[in-house]
N, C-alpha and C. Protein backbone atom coordinates (compact mmCIF):
# COMPACT_ATOMS: atom_id res chain seq x y z
N MET A 1 0.86 -1.31 0.05
CA MET A 1 0.07 -0.20 0.09
C MET A 1 0.94 1.37 0.05
N THR A 2 0.43 2.13 -0.97
CA THR A 2 1.54 3.33 -0.76
C THR A 2 0.99 4.58 -0.33
N HIS A 3 1.57 5.22 0.64
CA HIS A 3 1.26 6.16 1.50
C HIS A 3 1.62 7.64 0.68
N VAL A 4 0.39 8.69 0.67
CA VAL A 4 0.61 9.09 -0.13
C VAL A 4 -0.15 10.74 0.86
N PRO A 5 1.38 11.61 0.77
CA PRO A 5 0.79 12.61 1.73
C PRO A 5 -0.32 13.68 0.69
N ILE A 6 -0.86 14.53 1.61
CA ILE A 6 -1.63 15.95 1.01
C ILE A 6 -1.44 16.77 2.01
N THR A 7 -1.15 18.20 1.46
CA THR A 7 -1.08 19.48 1.66
C THR A 7 -1.85 20.04 2.87
N ASP A 8 -3.37 19.57 2.04
CA ASP A 8 -4.56 20.19 2.93
C ASP A 8 -5.09 19.51 3.57
N ASP A 9 -6.20 19.74 4.31
CA ASP A 9 -6.71 18.45 5.12
C ASP A 9 -7.62 17.85 4.62
N SER A 10 -8.26 18.04 3.19
CA SER A 10 -8.75 16.98 2.32
C SER A 10 -8.42 17.35 0.86
N ILE A 11 -8.75 16.37 0.34
CA ILE A 11 -8.16 16.39 -1.25
C ILE A 11 -9.44 15.47 -2.14
N ARG A 12 -10.00 16.06 -2.88
CA ARG A 12 -10.92 15.27 -4.20
C ARG A 12 -10.43 14.03 -4.13
N LEU A 13 -11.17 13.15 -4.62
CA LEU A 13 -10.83 11.91 -5.05
C LEU A 13 -10.63 11.98 -6.17
N GLY A 14 -10.88 12.47 -7.28
CA GLY A 14 -10.35 12.37 -8.56
C GLY A 14 -8.89 13.27 -8.55
N GLN A 15 -8.75 14.14 -7.95
CA GLN A 15 -7.28 14.80 -7.86
C GLN A 15 -6.33 13.35 -7.35
N PHE A 16 -6.90 13.29 -6.00
CA PHE A 16 -6.06 12.14 -5.01
C PHE A 16 -5.47 10.84 -6.33
N LEU A 17 -6.70 10.29 -7.09
CA LEU A 17 -6.55 9.26 -8.03
C LEU A 17 -4.79 9.94 -9.04
N LYS A 18 -5.01 10.81 -9.30
CA LYS A 18 -3.39 11.45 -10.23
C LYS A 18 -2.63 11.52 -9.60
N LEU A 19 -2.46 12.21 -8.29
CA LEU A 19 -1.85 12.81 -6.89
C LEU A 19 -0.76 11.20 -7.31
N ALA A 20 -1.68 9.82 -6.74
CA ALA A 20 -1.11 8.93 -6.66
C ALA A 20 -0.89 7.47 -7.47
N ASP A 21 -0.87 8.60 -9.02
CA ASP A 21 -0.51 7.95 -10.13
C ASP A 21 -1.62 6.64 -10.08
N LEU A 22 -2.63 6.90 -9.71
CA LEU A 22 -3.64 5.95 -9.73
C LEU A 22 -4.27 5.89 -10.92
N ALA A 23 -4.64 7.07 -11.80
CA ALA A 23 -5.07 7.72 -13.26
C ALA A 23 -4.06 8.61 -13.69
N GLU A 24 -3.75 8.40 -15.17
CA GLU A 24 -2.92 9.43 -15.51
C GLU A 24 -3.72 10.80 -15.84
N THR A 25 -4.94 10.75 -15.79
CA THR A 25 -5.19 12.09 -16.38
C THR A 25 -6.59 12.33 -15.60
N GLY A 26 -7.24 13.30 -15.41
CA GLY A 26 -8.87 13.01 -15.04
C GLY A 26 -9.46 12.73 -15.80
N ALA A 27 -9.62 12.57 -17.20
CA ALA A 27 -10.40 12.11 -17.57
C ALA A 27 -10.48 10.37 -17.38
N HIS A 28 -9.47 9.82 -17.40
CA HIS A 28 -8.80 8.48 -16.64
C HIS A 28 -9.66 8.35 -15.47
N ALA A 29 -9.48 9.52 -14.56
CA ALA A 29 -10.16 8.70 -12.81
C ALA A 29 -11.71 8.81 -13.25
N ARG A 30 -12.22 9.96 -14.04
CA ARG A 30 -13.72 9.41 -14.64
C ARG A 30 -13.94 8.01 -15.24
N GLU A 31 -13.17 7.63 -15.70
CA GLU A 31 -13.37 5.97 -16.40
C GLU A 31 -13.76 5.09 -15.49
N LEU A 32 -12.69 5.49 -14.63
CA LEU A 32 -11.95 4.50 -13.43
C LEU A 32 -13.55 4.34 -12.31
N LEU A 33 -13.63 5.17 -12.19
CA LEU A 33 -15.02 6.17 -11.23
C LEU A 33 -16.36 5.23 -11.60
N ASP A 34 -16.61 5.49 -13.26
CA ASP A 34 -17.86 5.02 -13.89
C ASP A 34 -17.63 3.47 -14.17
N ASP A 35 -16.29 2.53 -14.33
CA ASP A 35 -16.23 1.57 -14.26
C ASP A 35 -16.63 0.78 -12.91
N GLY A 36 -16.69 1.47 -11.70
CA GLY A 36 -17.44 0.70 -10.73
C GLY A 36 -15.57 0.48 -10.03
N ALA A 37 -14.30 0.88 -10.45
CA ALA A 37 -13.04 0.01 -10.10
C ALA A 37 -12.68 0.63 -9.08
N VAL A 38 -13.27 1.78 -8.45
CA VAL A 38 -12.77 2.52 -7.24
C VAL A 38 -13.44 2.42 -6.24
N THR A 39 -13.20 2.00 -5.22
CA THR A 39 -13.25 1.98 -3.66
C THR A 39 -12.91 2.77 -2.69
N VAL A 40 -13.86 3.30 -1.85
CA VAL A 40 -13.08 4.23 -0.55
C VAL A 40 -13.26 3.99 0.98
N ASN A 41 -12.22 3.12 1.54
CA ASN A 41 -12.63 2.66 2.78
C ASN A 41 -13.26 1.08 2.48
N GLY A 42 -13.43 0.69 1.59
CA GLY A 42 -14.35 -0.77 1.47
C GLY A 42 -15.10 -0.62 0.67
N GLU A 43 -15.56 0.59 0.44
CA GLU A 43 -17.34 0.86 -0.31
C GLU A 43 -16.92 1.59 -1.69
N PRO A 44 -17.68 0.92 -2.74
CA PRO A 44 -17.50 1.37 -3.77
C PRO A 44 -18.05 2.84 -3.90
N GLU A 45 -16.94 3.79 -4.95
CA GLU A 45 -17.08 5.36 -4.94
C GLU A 45 -17.20 5.55 -6.29
N GLY A 46 -17.86 6.53 -6.69
CA GLY A 46 -18.56 6.63 -7.71
C GLY A 46 -18.26 8.20 -8.33
N ARG A 47 -18.21 9.23 -7.34
CA ARG A 47 -18.19 10.40 -6.94
C ARG A 47 -16.32 11.09 -7.25
N ARG A 48 -16.53 11.58 -8.20
CA ARG A 48 -15.01 12.49 -8.56
C ARG A 48 -14.27 13.42 -7.74
N GLY A 49 -15.64 13.96 -7.28
CA GLY A 49 -15.49 15.35 -6.56
C GLY A 49 -15.52 14.66 -4.56
N ARG A 50 -16.02 13.17 -4.31
CA ARG A 50 -15.74 13.08 -3.02
C ARG A 50 -14.93 13.84 -1.87
N GLN A 51 -14.70 14.00 -1.21
CA GLN A 51 -13.61 14.23 -0.13
C GLN A 51 -12.79 13.57 0.58
N LEU A 52 -11.59 13.30 0.61
CA LEU A 52 -10.76 12.78 1.15
C LEU A 52 -10.35 13.25 2.60
N VAL A 53 -9.95 12.26 3.13
CA VAL A 53 -9.22 13.12 4.52
C VAL A 53 -7.69 12.00 5.11
N ARG A 54 -7.27 12.48 5.69
CA ARG A 54 -5.95 11.46 6.20
C ARG A 54 -6.40 9.97 6.80
N GLY A 55 -6.03 8.96 6.37
CA GLY A 55 -6.34 7.91 7.04
C GLY A 55 -7.51 7.30 6.22
N ASP A 56 -8.21 7.88 5.17
CA ASP A 56 -8.48 7.31 3.96
C ASP A 56 -8.17 6.60 3.02
N ARG A 57 -8.68 5.19 2.91
CA ARG A 57 -8.13 3.94 1.91
C ARG A 57 -8.87 3.86 0.78
N VAL A 58 -7.67 4.16 -0.33
CA VAL A 58 -8.22 4.10 -1.66
C VAL A 58 -7.98 2.66 -2.37
N GLU A 59 -8.90 1.97 -3.13
CA GLU A 59 -8.35 1.06 -4.36
C GLU A 59 -8.86 1.18 -5.42
N VAL A 60 -8.23 0.58 -6.25
CA VAL A 60 -8.61 0.88 -7.60
C VAL A 60 -8.62 -0.51 -7.99
N ASP A 61 -8.95 -0.85 -8.61
CA ASP A 61 -9.18 -2.38 -9.72
C ASP A 61 -8.50 -1.92 -11.09
N LEU A 62 -7.22 -2.34 -11.15
CA LEU A 62 -6.62 -2.10 -12.53
C LEU A 62 -6.79 -3.30 -13.29
N PRO A 63 -6.27 -3.57 -14.41
CA PRO A 63 -6.32 -4.70 -15.04
C PRO A 63 -4.88 -5.79 -14.95
N THR A 64 -3.72 -4.62 -13.93
CA THR A 64 -2.86 -5.15 -13.93
C THR A 64 -2.83 -5.61 -11.98
N GLY A 65 -3.76 -5.32 -11.61
CA GLY A 65 -4.48 -5.59 -10.41
C GLY A 65 -4.91 -4.75 -9.51
N VAL A 66 -5.01 -5.13 -8.57
CA VAL A 66 -5.72 -3.92 -7.67
C VAL A 66 -4.66 -3.38 -6.99
N VAL A 67 -4.14 -1.67 -6.56
CA VAL A 67 -3.53 -1.07 -6.52
C VAL A 67 -4.18 -0.19 -5.08
N ARG A 68 -3.30 0.27 -4.08
CA ARG A 68 -3.96 0.32 -2.77
C ARG A 68 -3.02 1.66 -2.66
N ALA A 69 -4.08 2.80 -2.11
CA ALA A 69 -2.77 3.85 -1.04
C ALA A 69 -3.80 4.44 -0.38
N THR A 70 -3.17 4.87 0.77
CA THR A 70 -3.74 5.88 1.86
C THR A 70 -3.86 7.08 1.63
N VAL A 71 -4.77 8.32 2.11
CA VAL A 71 -4.12 9.39 2.15
C VAL A 71 -3.69 9.95 3.12
N GLY A 72 -2.26 10.78 3.27
CA GLY A 72 -1.79 11.11 4.22
C GLY A 72 -1.49 12.30 4.30
């Protein structure tokens, strides 16, 4: 699991996916969310604007396997 530090108190999920290198672009982040490939704290998530805070766990089901990152 990758720990990704943030500078503010929260970050939007779409931004986090790019920051953590889980999505190449905002459009790619939207695709992942639309495809149901993203979970936050074990729950499916489809909102790019979902606010994440430190300690949140994000999982993305990519063709190469599941990738996990924690908001720091």
